[in-house]
């Protein structure tokens, strides 16, 4: 019987998995691989010094450039938009946003902001709660509102930033 127990203990040891040293070695190898991949990916992206150097060198950024420095952007805060959604109709939404312009704000910026607020109000009345739920819904809403603002302003608005969005 002693031979039987010794054989089953050896079989259990083989089926039990890796030893502590093997686990530690596997962990170190996985860590080195992950660090290597992360370092490689870090060197592949654009360097922030390139755009900062352009701004400090005094080089003029083209007027409609998407890479305009933040100092060259003008902003107008929109009045809060409060309305109910299309479905369910008893759900209300309040949206606060800011318009970003390249250069200073246009001469009739407040009138333009009022027109864009009206567009946002009309657009939000067509939305359903399911369309704005989650991260993807919020991203689509922001893109749609930015596109509408750019069209209404003939391309002068470069971005619409949603400051707050409350649904109740």
N, C-alpha and C. Protein backbone atom coordinates (compact mmCIF):
# COMPACT_ATOMS: atom_id res chain seq x y z
N UNK A 1 0.79 -1.19 0.00
CA UNK A 1 0.00 0.00 0.00
C UNK A 1 0.84 1.26 0.00
N UNK A 2 2.02 1.16 0.58
CA UNK A 2 2.88 2.32 0.63
C UNK A 2 3.29 2.74 -0.78
N UNK A 3 3.45 1.78 -1.67
CA UNK A 3 3.81 2.09 -3.04
C UNK A 3 2.69 2.81 -3.76
N UNK A 4 1.48 2.45 -3.41
CA UNK A 4 0.33 3.08 -4.05
C UNK A 4 0.21 4.56 -3.66
N UNK A 5 0.41 4.87 -2.38
CA UNK A 5 0.31 6.26 -1.92
C UNK A 5 1.44 7.10 -2.49
N UNK A 6 2.63 6.56 -2.61
CA UNK A 6 3.76 7.29 -3.18
C UNK A 6 3.53 7.62 -4.64
N UNK A 7 2.93 6.72 -5.38
CA UNK A 7 2.66 6.95 -6.79
C UNK A 7 1.58 8.01 -6.96
N UNK A 8 0.57 7.99 -6.10
CA UNK A 8 -0.50 8.98 -6.24
C UNK A 8 -0.01 10.38 -5.82
N UNK A 9 0.91 10.45 -4.88
CA UNK A 9 1.46 11.76 -4.48
C UNK A 9 2.30 12.34 -5.61
N UNK A 10 3.06 11.48 -6.31
CA UNK A 10 3.87 11.96 -7.42
C UNK A 10 2.97 12.41 -8.59
N UNK A 11 1.89 11.69 -8.84
CA UNK A 11 0.96 12.07 -9.90
C UNK A 11 0.26 13.39 -9.55
N UNK A 12 -0.06 13.60 -8.28
CA UNK A 12 -0.70 14.85 -7.86
C UNK A 12 0.27 16.01 -8.02
N UNK A 13 1.56 15.75 -7.76
CA UNK A 13 2.56 16.81 -7.91
C UNK A 13 2.69 17.22 -9.38
N UNK A 14 2.67 16.22 -10.27
CA UNK A 14 2.76 16.53 -11.70
C UNK A 14 1.52 17.27 -12.19
N UNK A 15 0.35 16.90 -11.71
CA UNK A 15 -0.89 17.53 -12.16
C UNK A 15 -1.14 18.87 -11.46
N UNK A 16 -0.42 19.16 -10.38
CA UNK A 16 -0.66 20.35 -9.57
C UNK A 16 -0.26 21.64 -10.24
N UNK A 17 0.57 21.65 -11.23
CA UNK A 17 0.93 22.88 -11.92
C UNK A 17 2.38 23.22 -11.73
N UNK A 18 2.69 24.50 -11.87
CA UNK A 18 4.07 24.96 -11.86
C UNK A 18 4.52 25.22 -10.42
N UNK A 19 5.82 25.12 -10.24
CA UNK A 19 6.38 25.41 -8.93
C UNK A 19 6.46 26.92 -8.72
N UNK A 20 6.85 27.33 -7.53
CA UNK A 20 6.96 28.75 -7.21
C UNK A 20 8.01 29.43 -8.08
N UNK A 21 9.12 28.78 -8.33
CA UNK A 21 10.17 29.35 -9.17
C UNK A 21 9.69 29.51 -10.62
N UNK A 22 8.94 28.55 -11.11
CA UNK A 22 8.42 28.65 -12.47
C UNK A 22 7.40 29.78 -12.59
N UNK A 23 6.56 29.95 -11.57
CA UNK A 23 5.60 31.05 -11.56
C UNK A 23 6.32 32.40 -11.54
N UNK A 24 7.35 32.52 -10.73
CA UNK A 24 8.09 33.78 -10.65
C UNK A 24 8.78 34.09 -11.98
N UNK A 25 9.34 33.07 -12.62
CA UNK A 25 9.99 33.27 -13.91
C UNK A 25 8.98 33.71 -14.97
N UNK A 26 7.82 33.09 -14.99
CA UNK A 26 6.79 33.45 -15.96
C UNK A 26 6.32 34.89 -15.73
N UNK A 27 6.18 35.30 -14.47
CA UNK A 27 5.77 36.66 -14.15
C UNK A 27 6.81 37.68 -14.61
N UNK A 28 8.08 37.39 -14.40
CA UNK A 28 9.16 38.31 -14.81
C UNK A 28 9.19 38.43 -16.34
N UNK A 29 9.06 37.31 -17.03
CA UNK A 29 9.07 37.34 -18.50
C UNK A 29 7.88 38.15 -19.03
N UNK A 30 6.69 37.95 -18.46
CA UNK A 30 5.51 38.70 -18.90
C UNK A 30 5.68 40.19 -18.62
N UNK A 31 6.28 40.54 -17.49
CA UNK A 31 6.50 41.95 -17.15
C UNK A 31 7.48 42.60 -18.12
N UNK A 32 8.55 41.91 -18.47
CA UNK A 32 9.54 42.45 -19.40
C UNK A 32 8.91 42.64 -20.79
N UNK A 33 8.10 41.70 -21.23
CA UNK A 33 7.44 41.83 -22.53
C UNK A 33 6.48 43.02 -22.52
N UNK A 34 5.68 43.15 -21.46
CA UNK A 34 4.73 44.27 -21.38
C UNK A 34 5.46 45.61 -21.33
N UNK A 35 6.56 45.70 -20.60
CA UNK A 35 7.32 46.96 -20.53
C UNK A 35 7.93 47.28 -21.89
N UNK A 36 8.41 46.28 -22.59
CA UNK A 36 8.97 46.51 -23.92
C UNK A 36 7.93 47.01 -24.90
N UNK A 37 6.74 46.42 -24.89
CA UNK A 37 5.67 46.85 -25.78
C UNK A 37 5.22 48.27 -25.42
N UNK A 38 5.08 48.56 -24.14
CA UNK A 38 4.69 49.90 -23.71
C UNK A 38 5.71 50.95 -24.10
N UNK A 39 6.98 50.64 -23.93
CA UNK A 39 8.03 51.58 -24.32
C UNK A 39 8.05 51.82 -25.81
N UNK A 40 7.85 50.77 -26.58
CA UNK A 40 7.82 50.91 -28.03
C UNK A 40 6.65 51.77 -28.47
N UNK A 41 5.48 51.56 -27.87
CA UNK A 41 4.29 52.36 -28.21
C UNK A 41 4.48 53.82 -27.82
N UNK A 42 5.19 54.07 -26.72
CA UNK A 42 5.44 55.44 -26.28
C UNK A 42 6.29 56.21 -27.27
N UNK A 43 7.19 55.55 -27.93
CA UNK A 43 8.05 56.22 -28.90
C UNK A 43 7.39 56.39 -30.26
N UNK A 44 6.28 55.71 -30.48
CA UNK A 44 5.61 55.78 -31.78
C UNK A 44 4.71 57.00 -31.93
N UNK A 45 4.17 57.55 -30.83
CA UNK A 45 3.22 58.65 -30.89
C UNK A 45 3.90 59.99 -31.15
N UNK A 46 3.09 61.04 -31.42
CA UNK A 46 3.66 62.37 -31.64
C UNK A 46 4.24 62.92 -30.34
N UNK A 47 5.26 63.69 -30.47
CA UNK A 47 5.90 64.24 -29.28
C UNK A 47 5.31 65.60 -28.97
N UNK A 48 4.96 65.85 -27.70
CA UNK A 48 4.36 67.13 -27.35
C UNK A 48 5.33 68.29 -27.53
N UNK A 49 6.63 68.04 -27.53
CA UNK A 49 7.60 69.12 -27.68
C UNK A 49 7.51 69.75 -29.07
N UNK A 50 7.07 68.99 -30.07
CA UNK A 50 7.01 69.51 -31.44
C UNK A 50 6.00 70.65 -31.55
N UNK A 51 4.81 70.47 -30.99
CA UNK A 51 3.81 71.54 -31.08
C UNK A 51 4.14 72.69 -30.15
N UNK A 52 4.76 72.40 -29.00
CA UNK A 52 5.15 73.48 -28.09
C UNK A 52 6.27 74.30 -28.70
N UNK A 53 7.18 73.66 -29.40
CA UNK A 53 8.27 74.37 -30.05
C UNK A 53 7.77 75.28 -31.15
N UNK A 54 6.72 74.87 -31.86
CA UNK A 54 6.14 75.69 -32.91
C UNK A 54 5.52 76.95 -32.31
N UNK A 55 4.84 76.80 -31.19
CA UNK A 55 4.21 77.95 -30.56
C UNK A 55 5.25 78.91 -29.99
N UNK A 56 6.35 78.38 -29.43
CA UNK A 56 7.39 79.23 -28.84
C UNK A 56 8.27 79.87 -29.89
N UNK A 57 8.36 79.27 -31.07
CA UNK A 57 9.25 79.80 -32.09
C UNK A 57 8.68 81.04 -32.77
N UNK A 58 7.42 81.32 -32.52
CA UNK A 58 6.80 82.48 -33.13
C UNK A 58 6.26 82.18 -34.51
N UNK A 59 6.28 80.92 -34.95
CA UNK A 59 5.76 80.55 -36.26
C UNK A 59 4.25 80.75 -36.26
N UNK A 60 3.73 81.26 -37.32
CA UNK A 60 2.30 81.53 -37.44
C UNK A 60 1.57 80.25 -37.83
N UNK A 61 0.58 79.88 -37.03
CA UNK A 61 -0.24 78.72 -37.34
C UNK A 61 -1.31 79.17 -38.32
N UNK A 62 -1.55 78.41 -39.38
CA UNK A 62 -2.54 78.81 -40.36
C UNK A 62 -3.92 79.01 -39.74
N UNK A 63 -4.70 79.95 -40.27
CA UNK A 63 -6.00 80.31 -39.72
C UNK A 63 -6.94 79.14 -39.78
N UNK A 64 -7.41 78.35 -39.70
CA UNK A 64 -8.31 77.23 -39.76
C UNK A 64 -7.63 75.94 -39.42
N UNK A 65 -6.41 76.03 -38.89
CA UNK A 65 -5.66 74.82 -38.59
C UNK A 65 -6.24 74.13 -37.36
N UNK A 66 -6.30 72.81 -37.43
CA UNK A 66 -6.80 72.05 -36.29
C UNK A 66 -5.77 72.02 -35.17
N UNK A 67 -4.52 72.33 -35.46
CA UNK A 67 -3.46 72.30 -34.47
C UNK A 67 -3.19 73.67 -33.86
N UNK A 68 -4.17 74.53 -33.84
CA UNK A 68 -3.98 75.87 -33.30
C UNK A 68 -3.71 75.78 -31.81
N UNK A 69 -2.77 76.56 -31.30
CA UNK A 69 -2.51 76.56 -29.87
C UNK A 69 -3.74 77.06 -29.11
N UNK A 70 -3.87 76.62 -27.87
CA UNK A 70 -5.02 77.00 -27.07
C UNK A 70 -5.09 78.51 -26.85
N UNK A 71 -3.95 79.19 -26.84
CA UNK A 71 -3.94 80.63 -26.63
C UNK A 71 -4.60 81.37 -27.78
N UNK A 72 -4.66 80.78 -28.96
CA UNK A 72 -5.24 81.43 -30.13
C UNK A 72 -6.73 81.14 -30.29
N UNK A 73 -7.35 80.47 -29.32
CA UNK A 73 -8.76 80.13 -29.42
C UNK A 73 -9.60 81.12 -28.62
N UNK A 74 -10.69 81.56 -29.23
CA UNK A 74 -11.67 82.37 -28.52
C UNK A 74 -12.82 81.49 -28.09
N UNK A 75 -13.55 81.90 -27.06
CA UNK A 75 -14.64 81.08 -26.53
C UNK A 75 -15.84 81.94 -26.20
N UNK A 76 -17.01 81.38 -26.43
CA UNK A 76 -18.27 82.00 -26.04
C UNK A 76 -19.08 80.94 -25.31
N UNK A 77 -19.53 81.26 -24.10
CA UNK A 77 -20.40 80.35 -23.36
C UNK A 77 -21.82 80.50 -23.87
N UNK A 78 -22.48 79.38 -24.09
CA UNK A 78 -23.87 79.40 -24.51
C UNK A 78 -24.77 79.44 -23.27
N UNK A 79 -25.93 80.04 -23.42
CA UNK A 79 -26.91 80.00 -22.34
C UNK A 79 -27.37 78.55 -22.17
N UNK A 80 -27.70 78.14 -20.94
CA UNK A 80 -28.15 76.76 -20.74
C UNK A 80 -29.41 76.47 -21.57
N UNK A 81 -29.43 75.29 -22.17
CA UNK A 81 -30.57 74.84 -22.97
C UNK A 81 -31.34 73.83 -22.13
N UNK A 82 -32.61 74.11 -21.89
CA UNK A 82 -33.46 73.21 -21.10
C UNK A 82 -34.67 72.83 -21.94
N UNK A 83 -34.88 71.54 -22.12
CA UNK A 83 -36.02 71.06 -22.91
C UNK A 83 -36.32 69.62 -22.53
N UNK A 84 -37.46 69.14 -23.00
CA UNK A 84 -37.76 67.73 -22.80
C UNK A 84 -37.34 66.94 -24.04
N UNK A 85 -37.12 65.65 -23.85
CA UNK A 85 -36.71 64.79 -24.95
C UNK A 85 -37.94 64.28 -25.71
N UNK A 86 -37.70 63.73 -26.89
CA UNK A 86 -38.79 63.20 -27.71
C UNK A 86 -39.41 61.97 -27.04
N UNK A 87 -38.59 61.10 -26.50
CA UNK A 87 -39.10 59.91 -25.83
C UNK A 87 -38.15 59.52 -24.72
N UNK A 88 -38.58 59.28 -23.58
CA UNK A 88 -39.89 59.55 -23.00
C UNK A 88 -40.08 61.05 -22.81
N UNK A 89 -41.28 61.51 -23.05
CA UNK A 89 -41.53 62.95 -23.08
C UNK A 89 -41.50 63.59 -21.69
N UNK A 90 -41.54 62.80 -20.63
CA UNK A 90 -41.48 63.39 -19.29
C UNK A 90 -40.05 63.53 -18.78
N UNK A 91 -39.06 63.23 -19.60
CA UNK A 91 -37.65 63.37 -19.23
C UNK A 91 -37.15 64.71 -19.74
N UNK A 92 -36.55 65.49 -18.84
CA UNK A 92 -36.02 66.81 -19.18
C UNK A 92 -34.51 66.77 -19.23
N UNK A 93 -33.94 67.63 -20.03
CA UNK A 93 -32.48 67.68 -20.17
C UNK A 93 -32.03 69.13 -20.09
N UNK A 94 -30.91 69.35 -19.42
CA UNK A 94 -30.27 70.67 -19.35
C UNK A 94 -28.85 70.52 -19.86
N UNK A 95 -28.48 71.34 -20.83
CA UNK A 95 -27.17 71.25 -21.45
C UNK A 95 -26.50 72.62 -21.40
N UNK A 96 -25.27 72.65 -20.90
CA UNK A 96 -24.45 73.86 -20.92
C UNK A 96 -23.24 73.58 -21.79
N UNK A 97 -22.91 74.52 -22.68
CA UNK A 97 -21.83 74.29 -23.63
C UNK A 97 -21.06 75.57 -23.88
N UNK A 98 -19.87 75.41 -24.47
CA UNK A 98 -19.01 76.52 -24.86
C UNK A 98 -18.60 76.31 -26.31
N UNK A 99 -18.58 77.40 -27.08
CA UNK A 99 -18.13 77.37 -28.46
C UNK A 99 -16.69 77.85 -28.52
N UNK A 100 -15.83 77.12 -29.25
CA UNK A 100 -14.44 77.52 -29.43
C UNK A 100 -14.23 77.98 -30.87
N UNK A 101 -13.59 79.13 -31.02
CA UNK A 101 -13.28 79.72 -32.32
C UNK A 101 -11.77 79.80 -32.47
N UNK A 102 -11.26 79.68 -33.69
CA UNK A 102 -9.85 79.96 -33.95
C UNK A 102 -9.75 81.47 -34.09
N UNK A 103 -8.83 82.06 -33.36
CA UNK A 103 -8.73 83.53 -33.33
C UNK A 103 -9.73 84.08 -32.36
N UNK A 104 -10.00 85.36 -32.47
CA UNK A 104 -10.99 85.95 -31.57
C UNK A 104 -12.40 85.61 -32.05
N UNK A 105 -13.35 85.81 -31.18
CA UNK A 105 -14.74 85.49 -31.51
C UNK A 105 -15.22 86.40 -32.63
N UNK A 106 -16.16 85.94 -33.45
CA UNK A 106 -16.66 86.76 -34.55
C UNK A 106 -17.35 88.03 -34.03
N UNK A 107 -17.51 89.05 -34.89
CA UNK A 107 -18.06 90.32 -34.44
C UNK A 107 -19.47 90.21 -33.84
N UNK A 108 -20.30 89.37 -34.39
CA UNK A 108 -21.66 89.19 -33.87
C UNK A 108 -21.75 87.85 -33.16
N UNK A 109 -20.82 87.60 -32.26
CA UNK A 109 -20.73 86.31 -31.59
C UNK A 109 -21.93 85.98 -30.73
N UNK A 110 -22.50 86.96 -30.04
CA UNK A 110 -23.65 86.70 -29.18
C UNK A 110 -24.88 86.32 -30.01
N UNK A 111 -25.06 86.95 -31.15
CA UNK A 111 -26.18 86.59 -32.04
C UNK A 111 -25.98 85.18 -32.59
N UNK A 112 -24.74 84.87 -32.96
CA UNK A 112 -24.43 83.53 -33.46
C UNK A 112 -24.65 82.49 -32.37
N UNK A 113 -24.26 82.83 -31.14
CA UNK A 113 -24.46 81.91 -30.02
C UNK A 113 -25.95 81.66 -29.78
N UNK A 114 -26.77 82.69 -29.95
CA UNK A 114 -28.22 82.52 -29.80
C UNK A 114 -28.79 81.61 -30.87
N UNK A 115 -28.32 81.76 -32.11
CA UNK A 115 -28.79 80.89 -33.19
C UNK A 115 -28.38 79.44 -32.94
N UNK A 116 -27.15 79.25 -32.48
CA UNK A 116 -26.67 77.90 -32.20
C UNK A 116 -27.43 77.29 -31.03
N UNK A 117 -27.75 78.09 -30.02
CA UNK A 117 -28.56 77.59 -28.90
C UNK A 117 -29.93 77.14 -29.39
N UNK A 118 -30.52 77.90 -30.32
CA UNK A 118 -31.80 77.50 -30.90
C UNK A 118 -31.70 76.19 -31.66
N UNK A 119 -30.60 76.02 -32.40
CA UNK A 119 -30.38 74.76 -33.11
C UNK A 119 -30.25 73.59 -32.14
N UNK A 120 -29.52 73.82 -31.05
CA UNK A 120 -29.34 72.76 -30.05
C UNK A 120 -30.68 72.40 -29.44
N UNK A 121 -31.49 73.41 -29.12
CA UNK A 121 -32.81 73.17 -28.55
C UNK A 121 -33.67 72.32 -29.49
N UNK A 122 -33.71 72.70 -30.76
CA UNK A 122 -34.50 71.95 -31.74
C UNK A 122 -33.98 70.52 -31.90
N UNK A 123 -32.65 70.36 -31.89
CA UNK A 123 -32.06 69.03 -32.06
C UNK A 123 -32.35 68.15 -30.84
N UNK A 124 -32.24 68.72 -29.64
CA UNK A 124 -32.45 67.93 -28.43
C UNK A 124 -33.90 67.46 -28.31
N UNK A 125 -34.83 68.21 -28.87
CA UNK A 125 -36.24 67.79 -28.83
C UNK A 125 -36.51 66.57 -29.71
N UNK A 126 -35.60 66.25 -30.62
CA UNK A 126 -35.77 65.07 -31.47
C UNK A 126 -35.05 63.84 -30.91
N UNK A 127 -34.26 64.01 -29.86
CA UNK A 127 -33.47 62.92 -29.31
C UNK A 127 -34.30 62.08 -28.33
N UNK A 128 -33.93 60.79 -28.24
CA UNK A 128 -34.53 59.92 -27.23
C UNK A 128 -33.49 59.64 -26.15
N UNK A 129 -33.95 59.18 -25.03
CA UNK A 129 -33.04 58.89 -23.92
C UNK A 129 -32.04 57.79 -24.29
N UNK A 130 -32.47 56.81 -25.06
CA UNK A 130 -31.59 55.73 -25.46
C UNK A 130 -30.45 56.22 -26.36
N UNK A 131 -30.69 57.28 -27.14
CA UNK A 131 -29.66 57.78 -28.05
C UNK A 131 -28.52 58.49 -27.32
N UNK A 132 -28.75 58.99 -26.13
CA UNK A 132 -27.70 59.74 -25.43
C UNK A 132 -27.15 58.98 -24.23
N UNK A 133 -27.56 57.74 -24.04
CA UNK A 133 -27.07 56.96 -22.91
C UNK A 133 -25.68 56.42 -23.18
N UNK A 134 -24.87 56.38 -22.16
CA UNK A 134 -23.56 55.76 -22.24
C UNK A 134 -22.51 56.67 -22.87
N UNK A 135 -21.31 56.17 -22.90
CA UNK A 135 -20.17 56.92 -23.43
C UNK A 135 -20.34 57.15 -24.93
N UNK A 136 -20.73 56.13 -25.66
CA UNK A 136 -20.89 56.26 -27.11
C UNK A 136 -22.00 57.27 -27.44
N UNK A 137 -23.09 57.25 -26.69
CA UNK A 137 -24.17 58.19 -26.93
C UNK A 137 -23.75 59.62 -26.68
N UNK A 138 -22.99 59.84 -25.62
CA UNK A 138 -22.50 61.19 -25.32
C UNK A 138 -21.52 61.66 -26.38
N UNK A 139 -20.66 60.77 -26.85
CA UNK A 139 -19.70 61.12 -27.90
C UNK A 139 -20.42 61.48 -29.20
N UNK A 140 -21.44 60.72 -29.57
CA UNK A 140 -22.21 61.02 -30.78
C UNK A 140 -22.94 62.36 -30.64
N UNK A 141 -23.49 62.62 -29.45
CA UNK A 141 -24.17 63.89 -29.21
C UNK A 141 -23.20 65.05 -29.38
N UNK A 142 -22.02 64.94 -28.79
CA UNK A 142 -21.02 66.01 -28.88
C UNK A 142 -20.61 66.24 -30.33
N UNK A 143 -20.39 65.16 -31.07
CA UNK A 143 -20.01 65.30 -32.48
C UNK A 143 -21.12 65.93 -33.31
N UNK A 144 -22.36 65.51 -33.08
CA UNK A 144 -23.48 66.07 -33.82
C UNK A 144 -23.64 67.55 -33.52
N UNK A 145 -23.54 67.93 -32.25
CA UNK A 145 -23.69 69.34 -31.89
C UNK A 145 -22.54 70.18 -32.43
N UNK A 146 -21.31 69.65 -32.42
CA UNK A 146 -20.17 70.38 -32.98
C UNK A 146 -20.36 70.58 -34.48
N UNK A 147 -20.84 69.56 -35.16
CA UNK A 147 -21.07 69.66 -36.60
C UNK A 147 -22.15 70.69 -36.92
N UNK A 148 -23.23 70.68 -36.14
CA UNK A 148 -24.31 71.66 -36.35
C UNK A 148 -23.81 73.08 -36.11
N UNK A 149 -22.99 73.26 -35.06
CA UNK A 149 -22.46 74.59 -34.75
C UNK A 149 -21.53 75.06 -35.86
N UNK A 150 -20.70 74.17 -36.39
CA UNK A 150 -19.79 74.53 -37.47
C UNK A 150 -20.56 74.92 -38.73
N UNK A 151 -21.62 74.20 -39.04
CA UNK A 151 -22.43 74.51 -40.21
C UNK A 151 -23.13 75.85 -40.03
N UNK A 152 -23.70 76.08 -38.86
CA UNK A 152 -24.43 77.34 -38.61
C UNK A 152 -23.49 78.54 -38.67
N UNK A 153 -22.23 78.36 -38.26
CA UNK A 153 -21.28 79.49 -38.21
C UNK A 153 -20.41 79.58 -39.46
N UNK A 154 -20.71 78.82 -40.47
CA UNK A 154 -19.90 78.79 -41.71
C UNK A 154 -18.45 78.40 -41.42
N UNK A 155 -18.26 77.47 -40.52
CA UNK A 155 -16.93 76.94 -40.23
C UNK A 155 -16.13 77.74 -39.22
N UNK A 156 -16.67 78.81 -38.67
CA UNK A 156 -15.92 79.59 -37.69
C UNK A 156 -15.81 78.89 -36.35
N UNK A 157 -16.84 78.10 -35.97
CA UNK A 157 -16.80 77.34 -34.72
C UNK A 157 -15.99 76.08 -34.98
N UNK A 158 -14.91 75.90 -34.24
CA UNK A 158 -14.06 74.72 -34.42
C UNK A 158 -14.47 73.57 -33.53
N UNK A 159 -15.08 73.87 -32.38
CA UNK A 159 -15.43 72.81 -31.44
C UNK A 159 -16.53 73.30 -30.52
N UNK A 160 -17.44 72.43 -30.15
CA UNK A 160 -18.43 72.69 -29.13
C UNK A 160 -18.09 71.78 -27.96
N UNK A 161 -17.88 72.38 -26.81
CA UNK A 161 -17.52 71.61 -25.62
C UNK A 161 -18.74 71.55 -24.71
N UNK A 162 -19.15 70.36 -24.35
CA UNK A 162 -20.26 70.19 -23.41
C UNK A 162 -19.69 70.31 -22.01
N UNK A 163 -20.12 71.35 -21.29
CA UNK A 163 -19.65 71.57 -19.92
C UNK A 163 -20.45 70.74 -18.93
N UNK A 164 -21.75 70.69 -19.11
CA UNK A 164 -22.57 69.86 -18.22
C UNK A 164 -23.80 69.37 -18.99
N UNK A 165 -24.26 68.21 -18.60
CA UNK A 165 -25.43 67.59 -19.21
C UNK A 165 -26.19 66.90 -18.08
N UNK A 166 -27.37 67.39 -17.78
CA UNK A 166 -28.18 66.84 -16.69
C UNK A 166 -29.47 66.32 -17.29
N UNK A 167 -29.79 65.06 -16.98
CA UNK A 167 -31.02 64.44 -17.44
C UNK A 167 -31.82 64.05 -16.21
N UNK A 168 -33.10 64.48 -16.18
CA UNK A 168 -33.95 64.08 -15.05
C UNK A 168 -35.36 63.83 -15.50
